[in-house]
Amino acid sequence: MTDAVHELAQVNIARLKAPLESPQLKDFVDALDPVNAAADAAEGFVWRLQSEAGDATDIPVFGDSWLIINMSVWRDGDALTAFMYQGRHREMLSRRREWFERLAEAVTTLWWVPAGHRPTVAEAESRLLHLRTHGPTPYAFTLRTSFPAGATAPVTGEVPEGLGCSL
């Protein structure tokens, strides 16, 4: 649990195996609205990235039209974890290999934001690249290796060439 000064941002990206309009992704697309509604109503949910369509599937990430993004802000890691592993979202997680390619690079990262801050896609890309380059740090971490809210300065150094587009 964190104090009311910070909230937990999360981003995950996925590379589609087929176009969103394809029969292969029909179950995924059909589940988006109910899963997003469940997230919106979940204990500890604060905000999620969405376009005018109500989801984020048409928001570009890393300049790759086959990647989709999910980004949200939660009260803390406990609230995020409770939502992730229950109900319809859990069902979707268990079927993710049907719809998305398995990527070698990290596709999910977490970071603390000041309460009320709504992260941008550019911010999420930066945090994800940082995690890929430096591993979990207070600046960008995972559920498995988390850090308390507080100092979140990035580790200095170069991001290896190609990390942003080697998906």
Protein backbone atom coordinates (compact mmCIF):
# COMPACT_ATOMS: atom_id res chain seq x y z
CA MET A 1 0.00 0.00 0.00
CA THR A 2 1.22 3.51 -0.69
CA ASP A 3 0.38 6.89 0.70
CA ALA A 4 -2.13 9.11 -1.09
CA VAL A 5 0.75 11.11 -2.60
CA HIS A 6 1.63 8.38 -5.12
CA GLU A 7 -0.25 6.05 -7.43
CA LEU A 8 1.00 3.10 -9.44
CA ALA A 9 1.17 3.35 -13.23
CA GLN A 10 1.36 0.22 -15.36
CA VAL A 11 1.84 -0.36 -19.05
CA ASN A 12 1.83 -3.50 -21.09
CA ILE A 13 2.14 -3.90 -24.81
CA ALA A 14 1.39 -6.82 -27.07
CA ARG A 15 2.11 -7.67 -30.71
CA LEU A 16 -1.01 -8.87 -32.48
CA LYS A 17 -0.94 -12.19 -34.36
CA ALA A 18 -3.64 -10.93 -36.74
CA PRO A 19 -5.60 -7.75 -37.45
CA LEU A 20 -8.12 -6.76 -34.78
CA GLU A 21 -10.93 -7.29 -37.31
CA SER A 22 -9.91 -10.90 -37.97
CA PRO A 23 -11.87 -13.94 -36.76
CA GLN A 24 -8.77 -15.04 -34.83
CA LEU A 25 -9.06 -11.98 -32.53
CA LYS A 26 -12.88 -11.88 -32.28
CA ASP A 27 -13.00 -13.23 -28.70
CA PHE A 28 -10.34 -10.74 -27.60
CA VAL A 29 -12.10 -7.77 -29.21
CA ASP A 30 -15.50 -8.88 -27.86
CA ALA A 31 -14.06 -9.03 -24.33
CA LEU A 32 -12.51 -5.54 -24.37
CA ASP A 33 -15.59 -3.60 -23.26
CA PRO A 34 -16.54 -5.98 -20.41
CA VAL A 35 -12.94 -6.20 -19.14
CA ASN A 36 -12.49 -2.43 -19.32
CA ALA A 37 -15.79 -1.95 -17.46
CA ALA A 38 -14.60 -4.38 -14.78
CA ALA A 39 -11.34 -2.45 -14.46
CA ASP A 40 -13.17 0.85 -14.19
CA ALA A 41 -15.27 -0.56 -11.32
CA ALA A 42 -12.41 -2.36 -9.55
CA GLU A 43 -11.31 -1.41 -6.05
CA GLY A 44 -8.23 0.81 -6.31
CA PHE A 45 -8.63 1.63 -10.02
CA VAL A 46 -7.79 5.25 -10.84
CA TRP A 47 -7.50 5.74 -14.62
CA ARG A 48 -6.86 3.99 -17.93
CA LEU A 49 -5.60 5.14 -21.30
CA GLN A 50 -8.33 5.21 -23.91
CA SER A 51 -9.11 6.85 -27.21
CA GLU A 52 -12.51 8.17 -28.22
CA ALA A 53 -13.40 4.55 -29.09
CA GLY A 54 -13.24 3.70 -25.37
CA ASP A 55 -10.17 1.48 -25.44
CA ALA A 56 -6.53 1.94 -26.45
CA THR A 57 -6.24 -0.45 -29.39
CA ASP A 58 -5.93 2.42 -31.87
CA ILE A 59 -3.30 4.37 -29.91
CA PRO A 60 0.14 3.96 -31.49
CA VAL A 61 3.08 2.66 -29.46
CA PHE A 62 6.73 2.45 -30.56
CA GLY A 63 5.58 3.42 -34.08
CA ASP A 64 4.51 -0.18 -34.75
CA SER A 65 0.95 -0.72 -36.02
CA TRP A 66 0.98 -4.37 -34.84
CA LEU A 67 1.56 -3.36 -31.21
CA ILE A 68 -1.31 -2.49 -28.89
CA ILE A 69 -1.01 -0.80 -25.52
CA ASN A 70 -2.79 -1.04 -22.22
CA MET A 71 -1.91 1.59 -19.63
CA SER A 72 -3.60 2.35 -16.33
CA VAL A 73 -3.07 3.89 -12.91
CA TRP A 74 -3.96 2.12 -9.65
CA ARG A 75 -3.95 2.97 -5.98
CA ASP A 76 -1.20 0.41 -5.39
CA GLY A 77 0.19 -2.96 -6.46
CA ASP A 78 -2.30 -4.91 -4.37
CA ALA A 79 -5.25 -3.34 -6.20
CA LEU A 80 -3.66 -3.98 -9.60
CA THR A 81 -2.83 -7.59 -8.76
CA ALA A 82 -6.31 -8.26 -7.38
CA PHE A 83 -7.86 -7.10 -10.65
CA MET A 84 -5.38 -8.86 -12.93
CA TYR A 85 -5.91 -12.35 -11.56
CA GLN A 86 -9.68 -12.51 -11.23
CA GLY A 87 -12.75 -12.73 -13.43
CA ARG A 88 -12.78 -11.97 -17.12
CA HIS A 89 -9.29 -10.44 -17.08
CA ARG A 90 -7.85 -13.68 -15.74
CA GLU A 91 -9.61 -15.59 -18.52
CA MET A 92 -8.09 -13.26 -21.10
CA LEU A 93 -4.63 -13.67 -19.60
CA SER A 94 -4.91 -17.43 -19.93
CA ARG A 95 -5.70 -17.07 -23.66
CA ARG A 96 -3.16 -14.36 -24.54
CA ARG A 97 -0.97 -16.72 -26.63
CA GLU A 98 -3.91 -17.22 -29.01
CA TRP A 99 -3.94 -13.52 -29.85
CA PHE A 100 -0.44 -12.17 -29.22
CA GLU A 101 3.08 -13.14 -30.20
CA ARG A 102 5.51 -14.13 -27.47
CA LEU A 103 8.14 -11.39 -27.26
CA ALA A 104 11.64 -11.80 -25.84
CA GLU A 105 11.78 -8.27 -24.43
CA ALA A 106 9.94 -6.99 -21.38
CA VAL A 107 6.42 -5.92 -22.35
CA THR A 108 5.14 -4.79 -18.95
CA THR A 109 6.47 -2.26 -16.48
CA LEU A 110 5.28 -0.35 -13.42
CA TRP A 111 6.31 2.98 -11.92
CA TRP A 112 5.10 5.36 -9.27
CA VAL A 113 3.52 8.65 -10.32
CA PRO A 114 2.38 11.61 -8.26
CA ALA A 115 -1.29 11.27 -7.36
CA GLY A 116 -3.36 12.80 -10.15
CA HIS A 117 -0.69 12.38 -12.85
CA ARG A 118 -1.82 10.67 -16.03
CA PRO A 119 1.13 9.15 -17.89
CA THR A 120 1.61 9.59 -21.63
CA VAL A 121 2.48 6.91 -24.16
CA ALA A 122 5.93 8.50 -24.56
CA GLU A 123 6.45 8.22 -20.79
CA ALA A 124 5.40 4.56 -20.87
CA GLU A 125 7.74 3.82 -23.80
CA SER A 126 10.60 5.45 -21.90
CA ARG A 127 9.91 3.41 -18.75
CA LEU A 128 9.67 0.18 -20.72
CA LEU A 129 12.94 0.85 -22.54
CA HIS A 130 14.57 1.68 -19.21
CA LEU A 131 13.43 -1.64 -17.74
CA ARG A 132 14.76 -3.50 -20.78
CA THR A 133 18.11 -1.77 -20.48
CA HIS A 134 18.67 -1.72 -16.71
CA GLY A 135 16.35 -4.34 -15.28
CA PRO A 136 14.01 -3.48 -12.41
CA THR A 137 14.85 -0.21 -10.65
CA PRO A 138 12.71 2.29 -8.73
CA TYR A 139 12.25 4.09 -12.08
CA ALA A 140 10.73 1.09 -13.89
CA PHE A 141 9.98 -2.24 -12.26
CA THR A 142 7.82 -5.36 -12.33
CA LEU A 143 5.24 -6.93 -10.03
CA ARG A 144 7.82 -9.56 -9.15
CA THR A 145 10.53 -6.98 -8.33
CA SER A 146 8.77 -3.89 -7.02
CA PHE A 147 9.95 -0.80 -5.17
CA PRO A 148 8.21 1.51 -2.73
CA ALA A 149 7.03 4.92 -3.86
CA GLY A 150 9.70 7.58 -3.64
CA ALA A 151 12.79 8.42 -5.64
CA THR A 152 12.29 7.35 -9.24
CA ALA A 153 15.25 8.86 -11.09
CA PRO A 154 16.33 6.84 -14.13
CA VAL A 155 19.65 5.03 -14.20
CA THR A 156 21.91 7.09 -16.44
CA GLY A 157 23.51 5.63 -19.50
CA GLU A 158 22.76 4.91 -23.08
CA VAL A 159 19.84 2.80 -24.21
CA PRO A 160 21.29 0.17 -26.55
CA GLU A 161 20.44 0.84 -30.17
CA GLY A 162 17.40 -1.01 -31.47
CA LEU A 163 15.72 -1.71 -28.13
CA GLY A 164 12.74 0.40 -29.06
CA CYS A 165 12.02 -1.43 -32.28
CA SER A 166 13.32 -4.96 -31.79
CA LEU A 167 9.89 -6.30 -30.97
